[in-house]
N, C-alpha and C. Protein backbone atom coordinates (compact mmCIF):
# COMPACT_ATOMS: atom_id res chain seq x y z
N MET A 1 0.82 -1.19 0.00
CA MET A 1 0.00 0.00 0.00
C MET A 1 0.87 1.26 0.00
N ALA A 2 1.99 1.23 0.72
CA ALA A 2 2.88 2.39 0.76
C ALA A 2 3.41 2.70 -0.64
N ASN A 3 3.69 1.65 -1.44
CA ASN A 3 4.14 1.87 -2.81
C ASN A 3 3.09 2.59 -3.63
N GLU A 4 1.82 2.25 -3.39
CA GLU A 4 0.73 2.90 -4.11
C GLU A 4 0.72 4.40 -3.81
N TYR A 5 0.88 4.77 -2.54
CA TYR A 5 0.88 6.17 -2.16
C TYR A 5 2.10 6.89 -2.70
N ALA A 6 3.24 6.23 -2.69
CA ALA A 6 4.45 6.83 -3.25
C ALA A 6 4.26 7.08 -4.74
N HIS A 7 3.61 6.16 -5.42
CA HIS A 7 3.35 6.31 -6.85
C HIS A 7 2.41 7.49 -7.10
N ILE A 8 1.38 7.64 -6.28
CA ILE A 8 0.46 8.77 -6.41
C ILE A 8 1.20 10.08 -6.22
N LEU A 9 2.05 10.16 -5.22
CA LEU A 9 2.82 11.38 -4.98
C LEU A 9 3.76 11.68 -6.14
N GLU A 10 4.35 10.64 -6.71
CA GLU A 10 5.21 10.82 -7.87
C GLU A 10 4.40 11.39 -9.04
N GLN A 11 3.21 10.85 -9.25
CA GLN A 11 2.36 11.31 -10.34
C GLN A 11 1.91 12.76 -10.13
N ALA A 12 1.76 13.16 -8.88
CA ALA A 12 1.31 14.53 -8.59
C ALA A 12 2.30 15.56 -9.13
N GLY A 13 3.56 15.19 -9.24
CA GLY A 13 4.58 16.10 -9.76
C GLY A 13 4.80 15.98 -11.26
N ASP A 14 4.04 15.13 -11.91
CA ASP A 14 4.19 14.92 -13.35
C ASP A 14 3.81 16.18 -14.11
N GLN A 15 4.48 16.43 -15.22
CA GLN A 15 4.20 17.60 -16.04
C GLN A 15 2.93 17.46 -16.88
N ASP A 16 2.48 16.22 -17.08
CA ASP A 16 1.26 15.98 -17.84
C ASP A 16 0.05 16.32 -16.97
N PRO A 17 -0.77 17.28 -17.39
CA PRO A 17 -1.91 17.67 -16.57
C PRO A 17 -2.87 16.52 -16.26
N ALA A 18 -3.09 15.64 -17.20
CA ALA A 18 -4.02 14.52 -16.96
C ALA A 18 -3.50 13.62 -15.84
N THR A 19 -2.21 13.33 -15.87
CA THR A 19 -1.60 12.50 -14.83
C THR A 19 -1.65 13.22 -13.48
N GLY A 20 -1.29 14.49 -13.47
CA GLY A 20 -1.31 15.27 -12.24
C GLY A 20 -2.69 15.38 -11.64
N LEU A 21 -3.69 15.60 -12.47
CA LEU A 21 -5.06 15.74 -11.97
C LEU A 21 -5.61 14.42 -11.44
N ARG A 22 -5.25 13.32 -12.08
CA ARG A 22 -5.66 12.01 -11.54
C ARG A 22 -5.04 11.79 -10.17
N ALA A 23 -3.80 12.22 -10.01
CA ALA A 23 -3.12 12.09 -8.71
C ALA A 23 -3.82 12.96 -7.67
N VAL A 24 -4.22 14.17 -8.04
CA VAL A 24 -4.94 15.05 -7.11
C VAL A 24 -6.24 14.38 -6.67
N ALA A 25 -6.96 13.79 -7.60
CA ALA A 25 -8.22 13.12 -7.25
C ALA A 25 -7.96 11.95 -6.31
N ALA A 26 -6.91 11.18 -6.56
CA ALA A 26 -6.57 10.05 -5.69
C ALA A 26 -6.18 10.53 -4.30
N LEU A 27 -5.41 11.61 -4.23
CA LEU A 27 -5.03 12.16 -2.92
C LEU A 27 -6.24 12.70 -2.18
N ARG A 28 -7.15 13.34 -2.88
CA ARG A 28 -8.38 13.84 -2.25
C ARG A 28 -9.18 12.68 -1.66
N HIS A 29 -9.29 11.59 -2.41
CA HIS A 29 -10.02 10.41 -1.92
C HIS A 29 -9.35 9.85 -0.67
N LEU A 30 -8.03 9.74 -0.71
CA LEU A 30 -7.30 9.23 0.45
C LEU A 30 -7.49 10.14 1.65
N THR A 31 -7.40 11.44 1.45
CA THR A 31 -7.59 12.40 2.53
C THR A 31 -8.98 12.26 3.15
N ASP A 32 -9.99 12.11 2.31
CA ASP A 32 -11.36 11.93 2.82
C ASP A 32 -11.49 10.68 3.67
N ARG A 33 -10.85 9.59 3.24
CA ARG A 33 -10.91 8.34 4.00
C ARG A 33 -10.21 8.47 5.34
N VAL A 34 -9.05 9.10 5.35
CA VAL A 34 -8.30 9.28 6.60
C VAL A 34 -9.06 10.21 7.54
N GLU A 35 -9.65 11.28 6.99
CA GLU A 35 -10.43 12.20 7.82
C GLU A 35 -11.61 11.48 8.46
N ALA A 36 -12.34 10.70 7.67
CA ALA A 36 -13.49 9.97 8.20
C ALA A 36 -13.07 9.02 9.33
N LEU A 37 -11.97 8.33 9.15
CA LEU A 37 -11.46 7.42 10.17
C LEU A 37 -11.21 8.16 11.47
N HIS A 38 -10.54 9.31 11.38
CA HIS A 38 -10.18 10.03 12.60
C HIS A 38 -11.36 10.78 13.22
N VAL A 39 -12.29 11.21 12.41
CA VAL A 39 -13.52 11.81 12.96
C VAL A 39 -14.28 10.73 13.73
N ASP A 40 -14.40 9.55 13.16
CA ASP A 40 -15.07 8.45 13.86
C ASP A 40 -14.36 8.12 15.18
N ASN A 41 -13.04 8.06 15.14
CA ASN A 41 -12.27 7.80 16.36
C ASN A 41 -12.52 8.88 17.41
N ALA A 42 -12.52 10.12 16.97
CA ALA A 42 -12.74 11.24 17.90
C ALA A 42 -14.14 11.17 18.51
N ARG A 43 -15.14 10.87 17.71
CA ARG A 43 -16.51 10.79 18.24
C ARG A 43 -16.62 9.64 19.25
N ARG A 44 -16.01 8.50 18.95
CA ARG A 44 -16.04 7.37 19.89
C ARG A 44 -15.31 7.73 21.18
N ALA A 45 -14.33 8.61 21.10
CA ALA A 45 -13.57 9.04 22.28
C ALA A 45 -14.28 10.17 23.03
N GLY A 46 -15.45 10.58 22.53
CA GLY A 46 -16.24 11.59 23.24
C GLY A 46 -16.02 13.02 22.79
N TRP A 47 -15.30 13.24 21.72
CA TRP A 47 -15.07 14.59 21.24
C TRP A 47 -16.38 15.19 20.72
N THR A 48 -16.53 16.47 20.92
CA THR A 48 -17.69 17.19 20.39
C THR A 48 -17.42 17.55 18.93
N TRP A 49 -18.51 17.88 18.23
CA TRP A 49 -18.36 18.36 16.85
C TRP A 49 -17.54 19.65 16.83
N GLN A 50 -17.71 20.48 17.86
CA GLN A 50 -16.95 21.72 17.96
C GLN A 50 -15.45 21.44 18.03
N ALA A 51 -15.05 20.50 18.88
CA ALA A 51 -13.63 20.17 19.04
C ALA A 51 -13.05 19.58 17.75
N ILE A 52 -13.82 18.74 17.09
CA ILE A 52 -13.35 18.15 15.83
C ILE A 52 -13.21 19.23 14.77
N GLY A 53 -14.20 20.10 14.67
CA GLY A 53 -14.13 21.19 13.71
C GLY A 53 -12.92 22.07 13.94
N GLU A 54 -12.65 22.40 15.21
CA GLU A 54 -11.47 23.22 15.53
C GLU A 54 -10.19 22.51 15.11
N ALA A 55 -10.10 21.22 15.36
CA ALA A 55 -8.90 20.47 14.99
C ALA A 55 -8.70 20.43 13.47
N LEU A 56 -9.81 20.42 12.74
CA LEU A 56 -9.73 20.38 11.27
C LEU A 56 -9.68 21.76 10.63
N GLY A 57 -9.90 22.79 11.44
CA GLY A 57 -9.88 24.15 10.90
C GLY A 57 -11.15 24.52 10.16
N VAL A 58 -12.28 23.89 10.55
CA VAL A 58 -13.58 24.20 9.95
C VAL A 58 -14.59 24.40 11.07
N SER A 59 -15.77 24.84 10.71
CA SER A 59 -16.81 25.03 11.72
C SER A 59 -17.38 23.69 12.17
N ARG A 60 -18.00 23.70 13.35
CA ARG A 60 -18.63 22.46 13.83
C ARG A 60 -19.77 22.06 12.89
N GLN A 61 -20.45 23.07 12.31
CA GLN A 61 -21.54 22.77 11.38
C GLN A 61 -21.02 22.05 10.14
N ALA A 62 -19.88 22.50 9.64
CA ALA A 62 -19.32 21.89 8.43
C ALA A 62 -18.93 20.43 8.67
N VAL A 63 -18.26 20.18 9.79
CA VAL A 63 -17.82 18.81 10.06
C VAL A 63 -19.02 17.92 10.39
N HIS A 64 -20.01 18.45 11.09
CA HIS A 64 -21.21 17.67 11.39
C HIS A 64 -21.96 17.31 10.11
N LYS A 65 -22.13 18.29 9.25
CA LYS A 65 -22.85 18.05 7.99
C LYS A 65 -22.16 16.96 7.16
N LYS A 66 -20.83 16.99 7.15
CA LYS A 66 -20.08 16.05 6.33
C LYS A 66 -20.05 14.64 6.92
N HIS A 67 -20.06 14.52 8.27
CA HIS A 67 -19.77 13.22 8.88
C HIS A 67 -20.87 12.61 9.74
N HIS A 68 -21.90 13.34 10.08
CA HIS A 68 -22.84 12.83 11.09
C HIS A 68 -23.61 11.59 10.65
N ARG A 69 -23.80 11.38 9.37
CA ARG A 69 -24.60 10.23 8.91
C ARG A 69 -23.99 8.88 9.25
N ARG A 70 -22.68 8.82 9.38
CA ARG A 70 -22.04 7.53 9.69
C ARG A 70 -22.25 7.12 11.14
N GLU A 71 -22.67 8.03 12.00
CA GLU A 71 -22.85 7.69 13.42
C GLU A 71 -24.05 6.80 13.66
N ARG A 72 -24.98 6.80 12.76
CA ARG A 72 -26.23 6.05 12.98
C ARG A 72 -26.07 4.58 12.79
């Protein structure tokens, strides 16, 4: 898996816009997955939406809107 991420990072620096943009999309997807994992961990640990939003640099409303559906 680490090789896959290294390959994505390598592609992000490619001069071909199509290759670079595919890498950006892959990195965005990875970032979303990692964020969801840690938001879930924080909620299980008792963190408030306010605290999570502050840690992510967004409002509590923004983080709640994006992640609250997985809690159910």
